[in-house]
C-alpha cells in the first residue's frame, strides 16, 4: 500500500513506489489547479501550495494512468 495525503510532484522514487504496490491512496485535495483562485479564496494555485490537482495536464489522473499495476481487492 502507498499512502500520500499530499504530493507536490512525482519524483522517480515516488513513481517507483507507486508502481510496486497493490493499493494507492493519494492526494485528492484539489480538482483543478486554479480552484481557489476561481472561488476567490486565495490567489495561490494548488501547485503553489504543494498539491497536484486531480484534473488537467500533469494532474493526478494523468499520472495514475502511467501506473501499470491495477488495484486488487
N, C-alpha and C. Protein backbone atom coordinates (compact mmCIF):
# COMPACT_ATOMS: atom_id res chain seq x y z
N UNK A 1 0.84 -1.17 0.00
CA UNK A 1 0.00 0.00 0.00
C UNK A 1 0.89 1.23 0.00
N UNK A 2 0.49 2.23 -0.79
CA UNK A 2 1.17 3.51 -0.84
C UNK A 2 0.15 4.57 -0.44
N UNK A 3 0.47 5.35 0.59
CA UNK A 3 -0.43 6.40 1.07
C UNK A 3 0.32 7.72 1.11
N UNK A 4 -0.21 8.71 0.43
CA UNK A 4 0.37 10.04 0.49
C UNK A 4 -0.74 11.08 0.42
N UNK A 5 -1.02 11.74 1.55
CA UNK A 5 -2.10 12.73 1.57
C UNK A 5 -1.71 14.06 0.94
N UNK A 6 -0.44 14.23 0.56
CA UNK A 6 -0.02 15.46 -0.07
C UNK A 6 1.16 15.22 -0.98
N UNK A 7 0.96 15.41 -2.27
CA UNK A 7 2.04 15.24 -3.23
C UNK A 7 2.18 16.51 -4.06
N UNK A 8 3.35 17.11 -4.00
CA UNK A 8 3.60 18.31 -4.78
C UNK A 8 4.20 18.00 -6.14
N UNK A 9 4.86 16.86 -6.24
CA UNK A 9 5.42 16.40 -7.50
C UNK A 9 5.69 14.90 -7.39
N UNK A 10 5.81 14.27 -8.52
CA UNK A 10 6.10 12.83 -8.54
C UNK A 10 7.55 12.65 -8.96
N UNK A 11 8.40 12.40 -8.00
CA UNK A 11 9.81 12.15 -8.26
C UNK A 11 9.96 10.68 -8.66
N UNK A 12 11.08 10.33 -9.31
CA UNK A 12 11.25 8.95 -9.77
C UNK A 12 11.08 7.89 -8.67
N UNK A 13 11.60 8.15 -7.48
CA UNK A 13 11.47 7.15 -6.41
C UNK A 13 10.01 7.03 -5.94
N UNK A 14 9.25 8.10 -6.05
CA UNK A 14 7.84 8.05 -5.68
C UNK A 14 7.06 7.23 -6.70
N UNK A 15 7.32 7.47 -7.99
CA UNK A 15 6.65 6.68 -9.03
C UNK A 15 7.00 5.20 -8.89
N UNK A 16 8.25 4.90 -8.58
CA UNK A 16 8.67 3.51 -8.39
C UNK A 16 7.88 2.86 -7.25
N UNK A 17 7.70 3.59 -6.17
CA UNK A 17 6.92 3.07 -5.04
C UNK A 17 5.46 2.88 -5.43
N UNK A 18 4.91 3.80 -6.20
CA UNK A 18 3.51 3.69 -6.64
C UNK A 18 3.33 2.49 -7.58
N UNK A 19 4.34 2.22 -8.40
CA UNK A 19 4.26 1.09 -9.33
C UNK A 19 4.34 -0.25 -8.61
N UNK A 20 4.93 -0.27 -7.43
CA UNK A 20 5.22 -1.53 -6.74
C UNK A 20 4.10 -2.05 -5.84
N UNK A 21 3.08 -1.26 -5.62
CA UNK A 21 2.06 -1.64 -4.64
C UNK A 21 0.76 -2.11 -5.29
N UNK A 22 -0.07 -2.72 -4.49
CA UNK A 22 -1.39 -3.18 -4.95
C UNK A 22 -2.49 -2.15 -4.68
N UNK A 23 -2.22 -1.18 -3.82
CA UNK A 23 -3.24 -0.19 -3.46
C UNK A 23 -2.58 1.18 -3.32
N UNK A 24 -3.17 2.18 -4.00
CA UNK A 24 -2.69 3.55 -3.93
C UNK A 24 -3.75 4.44 -3.29
N UNK A 25 -3.34 5.25 -2.35
CA UNK A 25 -4.19 6.29 -1.78
C UNK A 25 -3.39 7.58 -1.89
N UNK A 26 -3.87 8.51 -2.71
CA UNK A 26 -3.10 9.72 -2.98
C UNK A 26 -3.92 10.98 -2.75
N UNK A 27 -3.21 12.09 -2.74
CA UNK A 27 -3.78 13.41 -2.52
C UNK A 27 -4.94 13.71 -3.47
N UNK A 28 -6.06 14.09 -2.93
CA UNK A 28 -7.22 14.45 -3.74
C UNK A 28 -7.79 15.80 -3.31
N UNK A 29 -6.93 16.68 -2.80
CA UNK A 29 -7.38 17.94 -2.23
C UNK A 29 -8.04 18.87 -3.25
N UNK A 30 -7.45 18.97 -4.45
CA UNK A 30 -7.96 19.90 -5.45
C UNK A 30 -8.29 19.21 -6.75
N UNK A 31 -9.41 19.58 -7.36
CA UNK A 31 -9.77 19.04 -8.67
C UNK A 31 -9.00 19.77 -9.77
N UNK A 32 -8.94 21.11 -9.68
CA UNK A 32 -8.21 21.90 -10.67
C UNK A 32 -7.11 22.71 -9.98
N UNK A 33 -6.12 23.09 -10.75
CA UNK A 33 -5.01 23.87 -10.20
C UNK A 33 -5.47 25.24 -9.74
N UNK A 34 -6.45 25.82 -10.42
CA UNK A 34 -6.90 27.19 -10.12
C UNK A 34 -8.18 27.25 -9.29
N UNK A 35 -8.52 26.19 -8.64
CA UNK A 35 -9.77 26.09 -7.88
C UNK A 35 -9.95 27.21 -6.85
N UNK A 36 -8.92 27.47 -6.07
CA UNK A 36 -9.05 28.51 -5.05
C UNK A 36 -9.13 29.91 -5.66
N UNK A 37 -8.44 30.12 -6.78
CA UNK A 37 -8.49 31.42 -7.47
C UNK A 37 -9.89 31.70 -8.00
N UNK A 38 -10.48 30.68 -8.63
CA UNK A 38 -11.82 30.85 -9.21
C UNK A 38 -12.89 31.10 -8.16
N UNK A 39 -12.67 30.60 -6.95
CA UNK A 39 -13.64 30.79 -5.87
C UNK A 39 -13.30 31.99 -4.99
N UNK A 40 -12.30 32.76 -5.41
CA UNK A 40 -11.85 33.95 -4.67
C UNK A 40 -11.48 33.63 -3.22
N UNK A 41 -10.90 32.46 -3.02
CA UNK A 41 -10.44 32.06 -1.69
C UNK A 41 -9.00 32.50 -1.49
N UNK A 42 -8.22 32.38 -2.56
CA UNK A 42 -6.80 32.71 -2.50
C UNK A 42 -6.30 33.01 -3.90
N UNK A 43 -5.17 33.68 -3.98
CA UNK A 43 -4.54 33.91 -5.28
C UNK A 43 -3.59 32.77 -5.64
N UNK A 44 -3.38 31.87 -4.70
CA UNK A 44 -2.46 30.75 -4.93
C UNK A 44 -3.16 29.58 -5.62
N UNK A 45 -2.40 28.91 -6.45
CA UNK A 45 -2.88 27.72 -7.15
C UNK A 45 -2.55 26.50 -6.30
N UNK A 46 -3.17 25.38 -6.62
CA UNK A 46 -2.92 24.14 -5.88
C UNK A 46 -1.43 23.80 -5.88
N UNK A 47 -0.80 23.90 -7.04
CA UNK A 47 0.63 23.56 -7.14
C UNK A 47 1.50 24.52 -6.33
N UNK A 48 1.03 25.76 -6.15
CA UNK A 48 1.79 26.74 -5.35
C UNK A 48 1.90 26.31 -3.89
N UNK A 49 0.93 25.56 -3.43
CA UNK A 49 0.94 25.14 -2.03
C UNK A 49 1.22 23.64 -1.86
N UNK A 50 1.79 23.04 -2.91
CA UNK A 50 2.28 21.67 -2.79
C UNK A 50 1.28 20.57 -3.04
N UNK A 51 0.28 20.82 -3.89
CA UNK A 51 -0.70 19.79 -4.22
C UNK A 51 -0.81 19.62 -5.73
N UNK A 52 -0.79 18.40 -6.19
CA UNK A 52 -1.03 18.11 -7.60
C UNK A 52 -2.55 18.05 -7.78
N UNK A 53 -3.12 18.84 -8.68
CA UNK A 53 -4.57 18.77 -8.89
C UNK A 53 -4.94 17.43 -9.54
N UNK A 54 -6.18 17.05 -9.39
CA UNK A 54 -6.66 15.80 -9.98
C UNK A 54 -6.73 15.87 -11.50
N UNK A 55 -7.26 16.96 -12.04
CA UNK A 55 -7.50 17.07 -13.48
C UNK A 55 -6.44 17.91 -14.16
N UNK A 56 -6.51 17.96 -15.47
CA UNK A 56 -5.64 18.80 -16.26
C UNK A 56 -4.31 18.15 -16.60
N UNK A 57 -3.56 18.84 -17.42
CA UNK A 57 -2.25 18.35 -17.84
C UNK A 57 -1.32 18.19 -16.64
N UNK A 58 -0.75 17.02 -16.50
CA UNK A 58 0.14 16.74 -15.37
C UNK A 58 -0.58 16.51 -14.07
N UNK A 59 -1.92 16.37 -14.14
CA UNK A 59 -2.70 16.12 -12.93
C UNK A 59 -2.62 14.67 -12.50
N UNK A 60 -3.18 14.39 -11.35
CA UNK A 60 -3.09 13.06 -10.76
C UNK A 60 -3.75 11.99 -11.64
N UNK A 61 -4.82 12.34 -12.33
CA UNK A 61 -5.46 11.36 -13.22
C UNK A 61 -4.49 10.95 -14.32
N UNK A 62 -3.82 11.91 -14.90
CA UNK A 62 -2.82 11.62 -15.94
C UNK A 62 -1.65 10.81 -15.37
N UNK A 63 -1.19 11.20 -14.22
CA UNK A 63 -0.08 10.49 -13.58
C UNK A 63 -0.46 9.04 -13.30
N UNK A 64 -1.64 8.83 -12.73
CA UNK A 64 -2.07 7.47 -12.39
C UNK A 64 -2.30 6.61 -13.62
N UNK A 65 -2.54 7.23 -14.77
CA UNK A 65 -2.70 6.42 -15.98
C UNK A 65 -1.39 5.75 -16.36
N UNK A 66 -0.28 6.24 -15.82
CA UNK A 66 1.02 5.64 -16.06
C UNK A 66 1.39 4.56 -15.07
N UNK A 67 0.52 4.30 -14.11
CA UNK A 67 0.77 3.23 -13.14
C UNK A 67 0.17 1.95 -13.71
N UNK A 68 1.01 1.01 -14.01
CA UNK A 68 0.60 -0.18 -14.74
C UNK A 68 -0.15 -1.20 -13.90
N UNK A 69 0.17 -1.31 -12.65
CA UNK A 69 -0.39 -2.37 -11.81
C UNK A 69 -1.77 -1.98 -11.28
N UNK A 70 -2.80 -2.72 -11.61
CA UNK A 70 -4.14 -2.38 -11.10
C UNK A 70 -4.30 -2.78 -9.65
N UNK A 71 -5.21 -2.11 -8.98
CA UNK A 71 -5.52 -2.46 -7.60
C UNK A 71 -6.23 -3.80 -7.55
N UNK A 72 -5.95 -4.54 -6.52
CA UNK A 72 -6.63 -5.84 -6.31
C UNK A 72 -7.37 -5.78 -4.99
N UNK A 73 -8.57 -6.32 -5.00
CA UNK A 73 -9.39 -6.31 -3.78
C UNK A 73 -9.65 -7.72 -3.32
